[in-house]
């Protein structure tokens, strides 16, 4: 049985027409190759969409008020000095630290003055003792007629060296005392500065927390 070709597309059709079926009767589909599958329609890629942010509270406009009215100027934030001036705890700590430093300086100066007074007294006493010892040494060798001798010269050199060393001991004691006093003062001042800075930072943190900064 001959298959007819579709006149529009030129492909075999499952139905029989023409001379092969003169009675034009429908004889049903005839086995043949399946029709070619049509190509899927082309689609245009969708443009990327911007994700929508949800549950985000809008930031207030600079200078806006609760009613939404824009004020002439933006509100000024208080500076650090204003924060510190309004912090009672910080002012109390600062006053305490300042008083402690003033008291320390006064005590340190008093201690230095006492030492210097003692030094001056010992130096004066040493000077008197030295003068008296020199007179006695000279009188001794003169009474024996040995004032111009080499023995007197040696004795006088030993006498001078002895009192020079005593004076050096006094001077070294004063120098060491002042150096130690200065080191203690610097250490105390350093501790004061650290305490003052901590008090300042604590005050700034308290103020910032209270303002929600």
N, C-alpha and C. Protein backbone atom coordinates (compact mmCIF):
# COMPACT_ATOMS: atom_id res chain seq x y z
N UNK A 1 0.88 -1.18 0.00
CA UNK A 1 0.00 0.00 0.00
C UNK A 1 0.91 1.21 0.00
N UNK A 2 0.73 2.11 -0.93
CA UNK A 2 1.62 3.28 -1.08
C UNK A 2 1.21 4.36 -0.13
N UNK A 3 2.26 5.06 0.45
CA UNK A 3 2.01 6.19 1.36
C UNK A 3 2.01 7.46 0.55
N UNK A 4 1.13 8.35 0.92
CA UNK A 4 1.07 9.66 0.25
C UNK A 4 2.00 10.63 0.95
N UNK A 5 2.56 11.57 0.23
CA UNK A 5 3.40 12.62 0.81
C UNK A 5 2.58 13.86 1.01
N UNK A 6 2.82 14.48 2.13
CA UNK A 6 2.13 15.75 2.42
C UNK A 6 2.64 16.79 1.47
N UNK A 7 1.78 17.48 0.75
CA UNK A 7 2.18 18.43 -0.26
C UNK A 7 2.79 19.67 0.33
N UNK A 8 2.43 20.01 1.59
CA UNK A 8 2.95 21.25 2.20
C UNK A 8 4.38 21.07 2.66
N UNK A 9 4.70 19.91 3.27
CA UNK A 9 6.02 19.76 3.90
C UNK A 9 6.85 18.69 3.21
N UNK A 10 6.26 17.83 2.34
CA UNK A 10 7.03 16.80 1.65
C UNK A 10 7.44 15.67 2.54
N UNK A 11 6.73 15.39 3.62
CA UNK A 11 7.05 14.30 4.54
C UNK A 11 5.96 13.26 4.44
N UNK A 12 6.28 11.95 4.69
CA UNK A 12 5.25 10.90 4.59
C UNK A 12 4.13 11.15 5.57
N UNK A 13 2.89 10.84 5.20
CA UNK A 13 1.74 10.99 6.08
C UNK A 13 1.17 9.61 6.35
N UNK A 14 0.61 9.38 7.51
CA UNK A 14 0.08 8.04 7.86
C UNK A 14 -1.23 7.71 7.16
N UNK A 15 -1.76 8.58 6.35
CA UNK A 15 -3.04 8.31 5.68
C UNK A 15 -2.81 8.05 4.20
N UNK A 16 -3.73 7.28 3.55
CA UNK A 16 -3.59 6.85 2.16
C UNK A 16 -4.59 7.60 1.29
N UNK A 17 -4.06 8.23 0.23
CA UNK A 17 -4.94 8.97 -0.69
C UNK A 17 -4.63 8.56 -2.15
N UNK A 18 -5.38 9.11 -3.11
CA UNK A 18 -5.08 8.93 -4.55
C UNK A 18 -5.41 7.53 -5.07
N UNK A 19 -4.61 7.07 -6.07
CA UNK A 19 -4.85 5.80 -6.73
C UNK A 19 -4.68 4.62 -5.80
N UNK A 20 -3.88 4.78 -4.80
CA UNK A 20 -3.69 3.67 -3.86
C UNK A 20 -4.95 3.36 -3.10
N UNK A 21 -5.85 4.34 -3.01
CA UNK A 21 -7.13 4.12 -2.31
C UNK A 21 -8.22 4.76 -3.14
N UNK A 22 -8.66 4.09 -4.19
CA UNK A 22 -9.63 4.70 -5.12
C UNK A 22 -10.96 4.97 -4.48
N UNK A 23 -11.34 4.24 -3.43
CA UNK A 23 -12.64 4.46 -2.79
C UNK A 23 -12.59 5.57 -1.75
N UNK A 24 -11.42 6.17 -1.57
CA UNK A 24 -11.23 7.25 -0.61
C UNK A 24 -11.72 6.86 0.76
N UNK A 25 -11.41 5.67 1.14
CA UNK A 25 -11.82 5.21 2.46
C UNK A 25 -10.69 5.44 3.47
N UNK A 26 -11.08 5.75 4.71
CA UNK A 26 -10.09 5.93 5.78
C UNK A 26 -9.65 4.56 6.27
N UNK A 27 -8.40 4.26 6.07
CA UNK A 27 -7.90 2.94 6.44
C UNK A 27 -7.04 2.97 7.69
N UNK A 28 -6.96 4.17 8.39
CA UNK A 28 -6.19 4.26 9.65
C UNK A 28 -4.74 4.58 9.42
N UNK A 29 -4.06 4.78 10.47
CA UNK A 29 -2.62 5.17 10.37
C UNK A 29 -1.78 4.03 9.87
N UNK A 30 -0.76 4.36 9.16
CA UNK A 30 0.17 3.39 8.63
C UNK A 30 1.50 3.58 9.31
N UNK A 31 2.14 2.50 9.66
CA UNK A 31 3.44 2.60 10.37
C UNK A 31 4.44 3.36 9.54
N UNK A 32 5.17 4.22 10.15
CA UNK A 32 6.18 5.01 9.45
C UNK A 32 7.04 5.75 10.47
N UNK A 33 8.04 6.46 10.02
CA UNK A 33 8.93 7.18 10.96
C UNK A 33 8.17 8.26 11.70
N UNK A 34 8.47 8.44 12.98
CA UNK A 34 7.75 9.47 13.77
C UNK A 34 8.11 10.85 13.27
N UNK A 35 7.17 11.75 13.38
CA UNK A 35 7.46 13.13 12.93
C UNK A 35 8.60 13.72 13.74
N UNK A 36 9.38 14.58 13.05
CA UNK A 36 10.51 15.22 13.74
C UNK A 36 10.00 16.16 14.81
N UNK A 37 10.71 16.13 15.98
CA UNK A 37 10.29 17.01 17.10
C UNK A 37 10.63 18.44 16.76
N UNK A 38 9.71 19.34 17.08
CA UNK A 38 9.93 20.76 16.81
C UNK A 38 10.87 21.35 17.84
N UNK A 39 11.70 22.34 17.45
CA UNK A 39 12.67 22.99 18.36
C UNK A 39 11.94 23.79 19.41
N UNK A 40 12.42 23.77 20.63
CA UNK A 40 11.76 24.56 21.69
C UNK A 40 11.84 26.03 21.37
N UNK A 41 10.83 26.77 21.74
CA UNK A 41 10.84 28.22 21.45
C UNK A 41 11.98 28.90 22.19
N UNK A 42 12.60 29.90 21.54
CA UNK A 42 13.68 30.66 22.18
C UNK A 42 13.09 31.59 23.23
N UNK A 43 13.83 31.66 24.31
CA UNK A 43 13.36 32.55 25.40
C UNK A 43 14.44 33.58 25.68
N UNK A 44 14.06 34.76 26.00
CA UNK A 44 15.00 35.85 26.33
C UNK A 44 15.31 35.81 27.82
N UNK A 45 16.60 35.75 28.19
CA UNK A 45 16.93 35.69 29.64
C UNK A 45 16.35 36.88 30.37
N UNK A 46 15.84 36.60 31.56
CA UNK A 46 15.24 37.67 32.37
C UNK A 46 16.33 38.54 32.96
N UNK A 47 16.07 39.82 33.00
CA UNK A 47 17.04 40.77 33.58
C UNK A 47 17.17 40.52 35.08
N UNK A 48 18.41 40.60 35.62
CA UNK A 48 18.58 40.39 37.07
C UNK A 48 17.84 41.46 37.86
N UNK A 49 17.25 41.03 38.90
CA UNK A 49 16.49 41.96 39.74
C UNK A 49 17.26 42.29 41.00
N UNK A 50 17.11 43.49 41.47
CA UNK A 50 17.79 43.93 42.69
C UNK A 50 17.05 43.39 43.91
N UNK A 51 17.76 42.68 44.82
CA UNK A 51 17.06 42.14 45.99
C UNK A 51 16.49 43.26 46.85
N UNK A 52 15.35 43.00 47.37
CA UNK A 52 14.66 43.98 48.20
C UNK A 52 15.06 43.79 49.66
N UNK A 53 15.54 44.86 50.28
CA UNK A 53 15.93 44.79 51.70
C UNK A 53 14.70 45.00 52.54
N UNK A 54 14.47 44.07 53.43
CA UNK A 54 13.29 44.16 54.28
C UNK A 54 13.71 44.33 55.73
N UNK A 55 12.79 44.81 56.55
CA UNK A 55 13.01 44.99 57.99
C UNK A 55 14.23 45.87 58.26
N UNK A 56 14.47 46.86 57.46
CA UNK A 56 15.58 47.80 57.67
C UNK A 56 15.01 49.16 58.01
N UNK A 57 15.42 49.64 59.17
CA UNK A 57 14.91 50.93 59.62
C UNK A 57 15.64 52.04 58.90
N UNK A 58 14.94 52.93 58.25
CA UNK A 58 15.63 54.01 57.52
C UNK A 58 16.39 54.92 58.47
N UNK A 59 17.56 55.38 58.02
CA UNK A 59 18.37 56.28 58.84
C UNK A 59 17.72 57.65 58.85
N UNK A 60 17.74 58.31 60.00
CA UNK A 60 17.13 59.64 60.07
C UNK A 60 17.92 60.64 59.25
N UNK A 61 17.25 61.58 58.70
CA UNK A 61 17.90 62.64 57.93
C UNK A 61 18.63 63.57 58.87
N UNK A 62 19.85 63.93 58.47
CA UNK A 62 20.63 64.84 59.32
C UNK A 62 19.86 66.14 59.49
N UNK A 63 19.67 66.53 60.73
CA UNK A 63 18.97 67.77 61.00
C UNK A 63 17.47 67.62 61.06
N UNK A 64 16.93 66.39 60.93
CA UNK A 64 15.49 66.21 60.97
C UNK A 64 15.02 66.12 62.40
N UNK A 65 13.77 66.47 62.60
CA UNK A 65 13.17 66.39 63.92
C UNK A 65 12.20 65.23 63.95
N UNK A 66 11.52 65.04 65.09
CA UNK A 66 10.58 63.92 65.23
C UNK A 66 9.39 64.07 64.29
N UNK A 67 9.07 65.30 63.95
CA UNK A 67 7.92 65.53 63.06
C UNK A 67 8.29 65.48 61.59
N UNK A 68 9.58 65.27 61.30
CA UNK A 68 10.01 65.19 59.92
C UNK A 68 10.44 66.51 59.34
N UNK A 69 10.34 67.59 60.12
CA UNK A 69 10.74 68.90 59.64
C UNK A 69 12.24 69.04 59.68
N UNK A 70 12.81 69.51 58.64
CA UNK A 70 14.26 69.70 58.58
C UNK A 70 14.61 70.98 59.32
N UNK A 71 15.44 70.84 60.34
CA UNK A 71 15.85 72.01 61.10
C UNK A 71 16.90 72.79 60.32
N UNK A 72 17.08 74.09 60.64
CA UNK A 72 18.03 74.91 59.86
C UNK A 72 19.45 74.36 59.88
N UNK A 73 19.89 73.84 61.03
CA UNK A 73 21.25 73.31 61.15
C UNK A 73 21.21 71.95 61.81
N UNK A 74 22.22 71.11 61.52
CA UNK A 74 22.30 69.78 62.14
C UNK A 74 22.65 69.94 63.61
N UNK A 75 22.11 69.08 64.49
CA UNK A 75 22.41 69.17 65.92
C UNK A 75 23.89 68.93 66.18
N UNK A 76 24.49 69.75 67.03
CA UNK A 76 25.91 69.64 67.35
C UNK A 76 26.12 68.61 68.46
N UNK A 77 27.07 67.71 68.24
CA UNK A 77 27.43 66.74 69.27
C UNK A 77 28.41 67.38 70.25
N UNK A 78 28.20 67.20 71.55
CA UNK A 78 29.13 67.79 72.51
C UNK A 78 30.53 67.20 72.36
N UNK A 79 31.55 68.05 72.53
CA UNK A 79 32.92 67.55 72.40
C UNK A 79 33.37 66.89 73.70
N UNK A 80 34.60 66.40 73.69
CA UNK A 80 35.11 65.65 74.83
C UNK A 80 35.16 66.51 76.07
N UNK A 81 35.60 67.76 75.93
CA UNK A 81 35.70 68.65 77.08
C UNK A 81 34.34 68.87 77.73
N UNK A 82 33.31 68.98 76.92
CA UNK A 82 31.96 69.16 77.46
C UNK A 82 31.50 67.89 78.17
N UNK A 83 31.82 66.74 77.59
CA UNK A 83 31.48 65.48 78.24
C UNK A 83 32.11 65.40 79.63
N UNK A 84 33.42 65.71 79.68
CA UNK A 84 34.14 65.61 80.94
C UNK A 84 33.64 66.63 81.96
N UNK A 85 33.30 67.81 81.49
CA UNK A 85 32.82 68.85 82.39
C UNK A 85 31.49 68.47 83.04
N UNK A 86 30.70 67.66 82.34
CA UNK A 86 29.39 67.27 82.86
C UNK A 86 29.40 65.93 83.61
N UNK A 87 30.58 65.33 83.73
CA UNK A 87 30.69 64.04 84.42
C UNK A 87 31.16 64.28 85.86
N UNK A 88 30.25 64.12 86.81
CA UNK A 88 30.56 64.40 88.21
C UNK A 88 31.62 63.44 88.74
N UNK A 89 31.51 62.17 88.38
CA UNK A 89 32.47 61.17 88.86
C UNK A 89 33.87 61.49 88.37
N UNK A 90 33.98 61.91 87.12
CA UNK A 90 35.30 62.25 86.57
C UNK A 90 35.88 63.46 87.27
N UNK A 91 35.06 64.47 87.53
CA UNK A 91 35.54 65.68 88.21
C UNK A 91 36.03 65.34 89.61
N UNK A 92 35.31 64.45 90.29
CA UNK A 92 35.73 64.05 91.63
C UNK A 92 37.08 63.34 91.58
N UNK A 93 37.22 62.40 90.63
CA UNK A 93 38.49 61.69 90.49
C UNK A 93 39.63 62.64 90.14
N UNK A 94 39.37 63.58 89.25
CA UNK A 94 40.40 64.53 88.84
C UNK A 94 40.84 65.40 90.02
N UNK A 95 39.89 65.82 90.81
CA UNK A 95 40.23 66.64 91.98
C UNK A 95 41.06 65.84 92.99
N UNK A 96 40.70 64.58 93.17
CA UNK A 96 41.45 63.74 94.10
C UNK A 96 42.88 63.52 93.61
N UNK A 97 43.02 63.26 92.32
CA UNK A 97 44.35 63.05 91.76
C UNK A 97 45.19 64.32 91.83
N UNK A 98 44.58 65.45 91.56
CA UNK A 98 45.31 66.73 91.62
C UNK A 98 45.76 67.02 93.05
N UNK A 99 44.91 66.74 94.02
CA UNK A 99 45.27 66.97 95.42
C UNK A 99 46.39 66.02 95.86
N UNK A 100 46.30 64.77 95.44
CA UNK A 100 47.33 63.79 95.79
C UNK A 100 48.68 64.21 95.21
N UNK A 101 48.67 64.72 93.98
CA UNK A 101 49.91 65.16 93.35
C UNK A 101 50.49 66.39 94.05
N UNK A 102 49.63 67.32 94.40
CA UNK A 102 50.09 68.52 95.11
C UNK A 102 50.66 68.15 96.49
N UNK A 103 50.00 67.23 97.19
CA UNK A 103 50.48 66.78 98.50
C UNK A 103 51.83 66.08 98.36
N UNK A 104 51.95 65.27 97.32
CA UNK A 104 53.22 64.55 97.11
C UNK A 104 54.35 65.52 96.84
N UNK A 105 54.10 66.50 96.00
CA UNK A 105 55.13 67.49 95.69
C UNK A 105 55.55 68.26 96.93
N UNK A 106 54.58 68.62 97.75
CA UNK A 106 54.89 69.37 98.97
C UNK A 106 55.73 68.52 99.92
N UNK A 107 55.34 67.24 100.07
CA UNK A 107 56.09 66.34 100.94
C UNK A 107 57.50 66.10 100.40
N UNK A 108 57.60 65.94 99.07
CA UNK A 108 58.91 65.73 98.47
C UNK A 108 59.82 66.94 98.67
N UNK A 109 59.26 68.13 98.51
CA UNK A 109 60.05 69.35 98.71
C UNK A 109 60.48 69.49 100.16
N UNK A 110 59.60 69.13 101.06
CA UNK A 110 59.94 69.20 102.48
C UNK A 110 61.07 68.24 102.82
N UNK A 111 61.01 67.03 102.28
CA UNK A 111 62.06 66.04 102.50
C UNK A 111 63.40 66.52 101.94
N UNK A 112 63.35 67.13 100.76
CA UNK A 112 64.58 67.65 100.16
C UNK A 112 65.18 68.77 101.01
N UNK A 113 64.33 69.66 101.46
CA UNK A 113 64.81 70.77 102.29
C UNK A 113 65.45 70.27 103.58
N UNK A 114 64.84 69.25 104.18
CA UNK A 114 65.40 68.68 105.41
C UNK A 114 66.78 68.09 105.15
N UNK A 115 66.91 67.37 104.04
CA UNK A 115 68.20 66.77 103.73
C UNK A 115 69.25 67.84 103.45
N UNK A 116 68.86 68.87 102.71
CA UNK A 116 69.81 69.93 102.41
C UNK A 116 70.24 70.67 103.69
N UNK A 117 69.31 70.82 104.58
CA UNK A 117 69.66 71.46 105.86
C UNK A 117 70.67 70.62 106.63
N UNK A 118 70.42 69.31 106.64
CA UNK A 118 71.35 68.40 107.32
C UNK A 118 72.71 68.40 106.62
N UNK A 119 72.68 68.45 105.30
CA UNK A 119 73.94 68.48 104.54
C UNK A 119 74.73 69.74 104.86
N UNK A 120 74.06 70.86 104.86
CA UNK A 120 74.73 72.13 105.14
C UNK A 120 75.33 72.14 106.54
N UNK A 121 74.57 71.57 107.49
CA UNK A 121 75.08 71.52 108.86
C UNK A 121 76.32 70.65 108.98
N UNK A 122 76.30 69.48 108.33
CA UNK A 122 77.45 68.58 108.38
C UNK A 122 78.65 69.18 107.64
N UNK A 123 78.37 69.86 106.56
CA UNK A 123 79.46 70.49 105.81
C UNK A 123 80.13 71.59 106.63
N UNK A 124 79.30 72.36 107.31
CA UNK A 124 79.87 73.42 108.16
C UNK A 124 80.69 72.83 109.31
N UNK A 125 80.16 71.76 109.90
CA UNK A 125 80.89 71.10 111.00
C UNK A 125 82.19 70.50 110.50
N UNK A 126 82.13 69.91 109.31
CA UNK A 126 83.35 69.33 108.74
C UNK A 126 84.38 70.41 108.47
N UNK A 127 83.95 71.57 108.01
CA UNK A 127 84.87 72.67 107.74
C UNK A 127 85.56 73.15 109.00
N UNK A 128 84.80 73.24 110.08
CA UNK A 128 85.39 73.68 111.36
C UNK A 128 86.38 72.63 111.89
N UNK A 129 85.99 71.36 111.77
CA UNK A 129 86.87 70.30 112.24
C UNK A 129 88.16 70.27 111.44
N UNK A 130 88.02 70.47 110.17
CA UNK A 130 89.21 70.47 109.29
C UNK A 130 90.16 71.61 109.65
N UNK A 131 89.62 72.75 109.86
CA UNK A 131 90.46 73.90 110.21
C UNK A 131 91.18 73.66 111.53
N UNK A 132 90.47 73.16 112.50
CA UNK A 132 91.09 72.89 113.81
C UNK A 132 92.16 71.81 113.71
N UNK A 133 91.88 70.76 112.93
CA UNK A 133 92.86 69.68 112.78
C UNK A 133 94.11 70.20 112.07
N UNK A 134 93.97 71.08 111.12
CA UNK A 134 95.12 71.64 110.42
C UNK A 134 95.98 72.48 111.34
N UNK A 135 95.36 73.25 112.23
CA UNK A 135 96.10 74.07 113.19
C UNK A 135 96.87 73.19 114.18
N UNK A 136 96.24 72.13 114.62
CA UNK A 136 96.89 71.24 115.57
C UNK A 136 98.08 70.54 114.91
N UNK A 137 97.91 70.13 113.64
CA UNK A 137 98.98 69.46 112.93
C UNK A 137 100.19 70.40 112.76
N UNK A 138 99.92 71.61 112.40
CA UNK A 138 101.00 72.59 112.21
C UNK A 138 101.72 72.88 113.53
N UNK A 139 100.96 73.05 114.59
CA UNK A 139 101.55 73.33 115.90
C UNK A 139 102.42 72.17 116.38
N UNK A 140 101.99 70.97 116.13
CA UNK A 140 102.73 69.79 116.55
C UNK A 140 104.09 69.74 115.90
N UNK A 141 104.11 69.89 114.56
CA UNK A 141 105.39 69.79 113.84
C UNK A 141 106.26 71.03 114.09
N UNK A 142 105.64 72.16 114.34
CA UNK A 142 106.41 73.37 114.63
C UNK A 142 107.11 73.28 115.99
N UNK A 143 106.40 72.68 116.94
CA UNK A 143 106.99 72.55 118.28
C UNK A 143 108.21 71.64 118.29
N UNK A 144 108.28 70.77 117.29
CA UNK A 144 109.40 69.85 117.19
C UNK A 144 110.44 70.31 116.15
N UNK A 145 110.19 71.49 115.61
CA UNK A 145 111.12 72.03 114.64
C UNK A 145 111.11 71.27 113.33
N UNK A 146 110.01 70.69 113.00
CA UNK A 146 109.93 69.86 111.78
C UNK A 146 108.90 70.42 110.78
N UNK A 147 108.60 71.69 110.94
CA UNK A 147 107.53 72.25 110.10
C UNK A 147 107.89 72.21 108.62
N UNK A 148 109.13 72.35 108.26
CA UNK A 148 109.51 72.32 106.86
C UNK A 148 110.04 70.97 106.41
N UNK A 149 109.86 69.97 107.25
CA UNK A 149 110.40 68.65 106.91
C UNK A 149 109.49 67.89 105.95
N UNK A 150 110.06 66.83 105.40
CA UNK A 150 109.27 65.96 104.52
C UNK A 150 108.19 65.22 105.28
N UNK A 151 108.46 64.92 106.56
CA UNK A 151 107.45 64.24 107.36
C UNK A 151 106.21 65.11 107.54
N UNK A 152 106.45 66.40 107.76
CA UNK A 152 105.30 67.30 107.90
C UNK A 152 104.52 67.39 106.57
N UNK A 153 105.25 67.43 105.49
CA UNK A 153 104.59 67.52 104.17
C UNK A 153 103.72 66.29 103.93
N UNK A 154 104.22 65.13 104.30
CA UNK A 154 103.43 63.90 104.12
C UNK A 154 102.21 63.90 105.04
N UNK A 155 102.46 64.32 106.30
CA UNK A 155 101.34 64.36 107.26
C UNK A 155 100.26 65.34 106.81
N UNK A 156 100.69 66.44 106.26
CA UNK A 156 99.71 67.44 105.79
C UNK A 156 98.94 66.92 104.57
N UNK A 157 99.62 66.18 103.68
CA UNK A 157 98.94 65.60 102.51
C UNK A 157 97.91 64.57 102.95
N UNK A 158 98.28 63.75 103.91
CA UNK A 158 97.33 62.74 104.42
C UNK A 158 96.13 63.43 105.07
N UNK A 159 96.39 64.45 105.81
CA UNK A 159 95.31 65.22 106.47
C UNK A 159 94.36 65.81 105.43
N UNK A 160 94.89 66.42 104.39
CA UNK A 160 94.08 67.04 103.35
C UNK A 160 93.25 66.00 102.59
N UNK A 161 93.88 64.87 102.26
CA UNK A 161 93.17 63.79 101.55
C UNK A 161 92.01 63.26 102.38
N UNK A 162 92.24 63.12 103.68
CA UNK A 162 91.20 62.61 104.58
C UNK A 162 89.97 63.52 104.59
N UNK A 163 90.20 64.81 104.72
CA UNK A 163 89.06 65.73 104.79
C UNK A 163 88.43 65.97 103.40
N UNK A 164 89.22 65.85 102.37
CA UNK A 164 88.64 65.92 101.02
C UNK A 164 87.68 64.75 100.78
N UNK A 165 88.07 63.57 101.24
CA UNK A 165 87.22 62.39 101.08
C UNK A 165 85.93 62.53 101.89
N UNK A 166 86.04 63.13 103.07
CA UNK A 166 84.84 63.35 103.89
C UNK A 166 83.87 64.30 103.19
N UNK A 167 84.43 65.32 102.56
CA UNK A 167 83.58 66.26 101.83
C UNK A 167 82.93 65.57 100.63
N UNK A 168 83.68 64.75 99.94
CA UNK A 168 83.13 64.01 98.79
C UNK A 168 82.00 63.09 99.21
N UNK A 169 82.15 62.48 100.38
CA UNK A 169 81.08 61.61 100.88
C UNK A 169 79.80 62.40 101.12
N UNK A 170 79.94 63.60 101.65
CA UNK A 170 78.77 64.45 101.85
C UNK A 170 78.13 64.83 100.51
N UNK A 171 78.98 65.21 99.56
CA UNK A 171 78.46 65.61 98.25
C UNK A 171 77.79 64.44 97.53
N UNK A 172 78.42 63.26 97.61
CA UNK A 172 77.84 62.07 96.97
C UNK A 172 76.51 61.71 97.61
N UNK A 173 76.44 61.82 98.93
CA UNK A 173 75.19 61.53 99.63
C UNK A 173 74.08 62.46 99.17
N UNK A 174 74.39 63.75 99.02
CA UNK A 174 73.38 64.70 98.55
C UNK A 174 72.97 64.40 97.12
N UNK A 175 73.94 64.13 96.26
CA UNK A 175 73.63 63.84 94.86
C UNK A 175 72.77 62.59 94.72
N UNK A 176 73.11 61.54 95.44
CA UNK A 176 72.34 60.30 95.38
C UNK A 176 70.92 60.50 95.91
N UNK A 177 70.82 61.28 96.97
CA UNK A 177 69.50 61.53 97.56
C UNK A 177 68.60 62.27 96.56
N UNK A 178 69.14 63.30 95.92
CA UNK A 178 68.33 64.07 94.98
C UNK A 178 67.94 63.25 93.75
N UNK A 179 68.87 62.40 93.28
CA UNK A 179 68.56 61.55 92.13
C UNK A 179 67.46 60.55 92.48
N UNK A 180 67.54 59.97 93.66
CA UNK A 180 66.53 59.01 94.09
C UNK A 180 65.18 59.70 94.30
N UNK A 181 65.22 60.90 94.86
CA UNK A 181 63.99 61.65 95.08
C UNK A 181 63.33 62.01 93.74
N UNK A 182 64.13 62.38 92.76
CA UNK A 182 63.60 62.71 91.43
C UNK A 182 63.00 61.49 90.76
N UNK A 183 63.66 60.33 90.90
CA UNK A 183 63.13 59.09 90.30
C UNK A 183 61.79 58.73 90.93
N UNK A 184 61.69 58.86 92.24
CA UNK A 184 60.43 58.55 92.92
C UNK A 184 59.33 59.51 92.47
N UNK A 185 59.68 60.78 92.31
CA UNK A 185 58.70 61.77 91.87
C UNK A 185 58.21 61.47 90.45
N UNK A 186 59.14 61.12 89.57
CA UNK A 186 58.75 60.79 88.19
C UNK A 186 57.87 59.55 88.14
N UNK A 187 58.19 58.55 88.95
CA UNK A 187 57.38 57.34 88.99
C UNK A 187 55.97 57.65 89.49
N UNK A 188 55.89 58.46 90.51
CA UNK A 188 54.58 58.81 91.06
C UNK A 188 53.77 59.60 90.04
N UNK A 189 54.44 60.53 89.34
CA UNK A 189 53.75 61.34 88.33
C UNK A 189 53.27 60.44 87.19
N UNK A 190 54.05 59.45 86.82
CA UNK A 190 53.64 58.52 85.77
C UNK A 190 52.39 57.75 86.19
N UNK A 191 52.36 57.30 87.42
CA UNK A 191 51.19 56.59 87.93
C UNK A 191 49.97 57.52 87.95
N UNK A 192 50.19 58.77 88.31
CA UNK A 192 49.10 59.75 88.31
C UNK A 192 48.55 59.97 86.91
N UNK A 193 49.45 60.06 85.93
CA UNK A 193 49.02 60.27 84.55
C UNK A 193 48.20 59.08 84.04
N UNK A 194 48.63 57.87 84.39
CA UNK A 194 47.89 56.67 83.97
C UNK A 194 46.50 56.66 84.60
N UNK A 195 46.44 56.98 85.88
CA UNK A 195 45.15 57.01 86.58
C UNK A 195 44.24 58.09 85.99
N UNK A 196 44.81 59.25 85.66
CA UNK A 196 44.02 60.34 85.09
C UNK A 196 43.48 59.96 83.71
N UNK A 197 44.30 59.31 82.90
CA UNK A 197 43.86 58.90 81.57
C UNK A 197 42.75 57.84 81.65
N UNK A 198 42.88 56.92 82.59
CA UNK A 198 41.85 55.90 82.76
C UNK A 198 40.54 56.55 83.19
N UNK A 199 40.62 57.50 84.12
CA UNK A 199 39.41 58.19 84.56
C UNK A 199 38.77 58.94 83.40
N UNK A 200 39.59 59.51 82.54
CA UNK A 200 39.08 60.24 81.38
C UNK A 200 38.37 59.30 80.42
N UNK A 201 38.99 58.17 80.10
CA UNK A 201 38.39 57.22 79.18
C UNK A 201 37.09 56.63 79.75
N UNK A 202 37.07 56.38 81.04
CA UNK A 202 35.85 55.87 81.68
C UNK A 202 34.73 56.89 81.57
N UNK A 203 35.07 58.16 81.76
CA UNK A 203 34.06 59.21 81.67
C UNK A 203 33.52 59.33 80.25
N UNK A 204 34.41 59.25 79.27
CA UNK A 204 33.97 59.34 77.88
C UNK A 204 33.07 58.15 77.53
N UNK A 205 33.45 56.96 78.01
CA UNK A 205 32.64 55.76 77.73
C UNK A 205 31.25 55.89 78.36
N UNK A 206 31.20 56.39 79.59
CA UNK A 206 29.89 56.57 80.25
C UNK A 206 29.03 57.56 79.49
N UNK A 207 29.62 58.64 79.08
CA UNK A 207 28.87 59.69 78.37
C UNK A 207 28.38 59.18 77.02
N UNK A 208 29.26 58.49 76.31
CA UNK A 208 28.88 57.97 75.00
C UNK A 208 27.76 56.94 75.12
N UNK A 209 27.84 56.09 76.15
CA UNK A 209 26.81 55.07 76.35
C UNK A 209 25.46 55.72 76.66
N UNK A 210 25.49 56.79 77.45
CA UNK A 210 24.24 57.46 77.81
C UNK A 210 23.58 58.14 76.61
N UNK A 211 24.40 58.49 75.61
CA UNK A 211 23.86 59.16 74.42
C UNK A 211 23.64 58.18 73.27
N UNK A 212 23.96 56.91 73.51
CA UNK A 212 23.76 55.91 72.48
C UNK A 212 24.72 56.02 71.33
N UNK A 213 25.89 56.60 71.60
CA UNK A 213 26.89 56.75 70.53
C UNK A 213 27.67 55.45 70.38
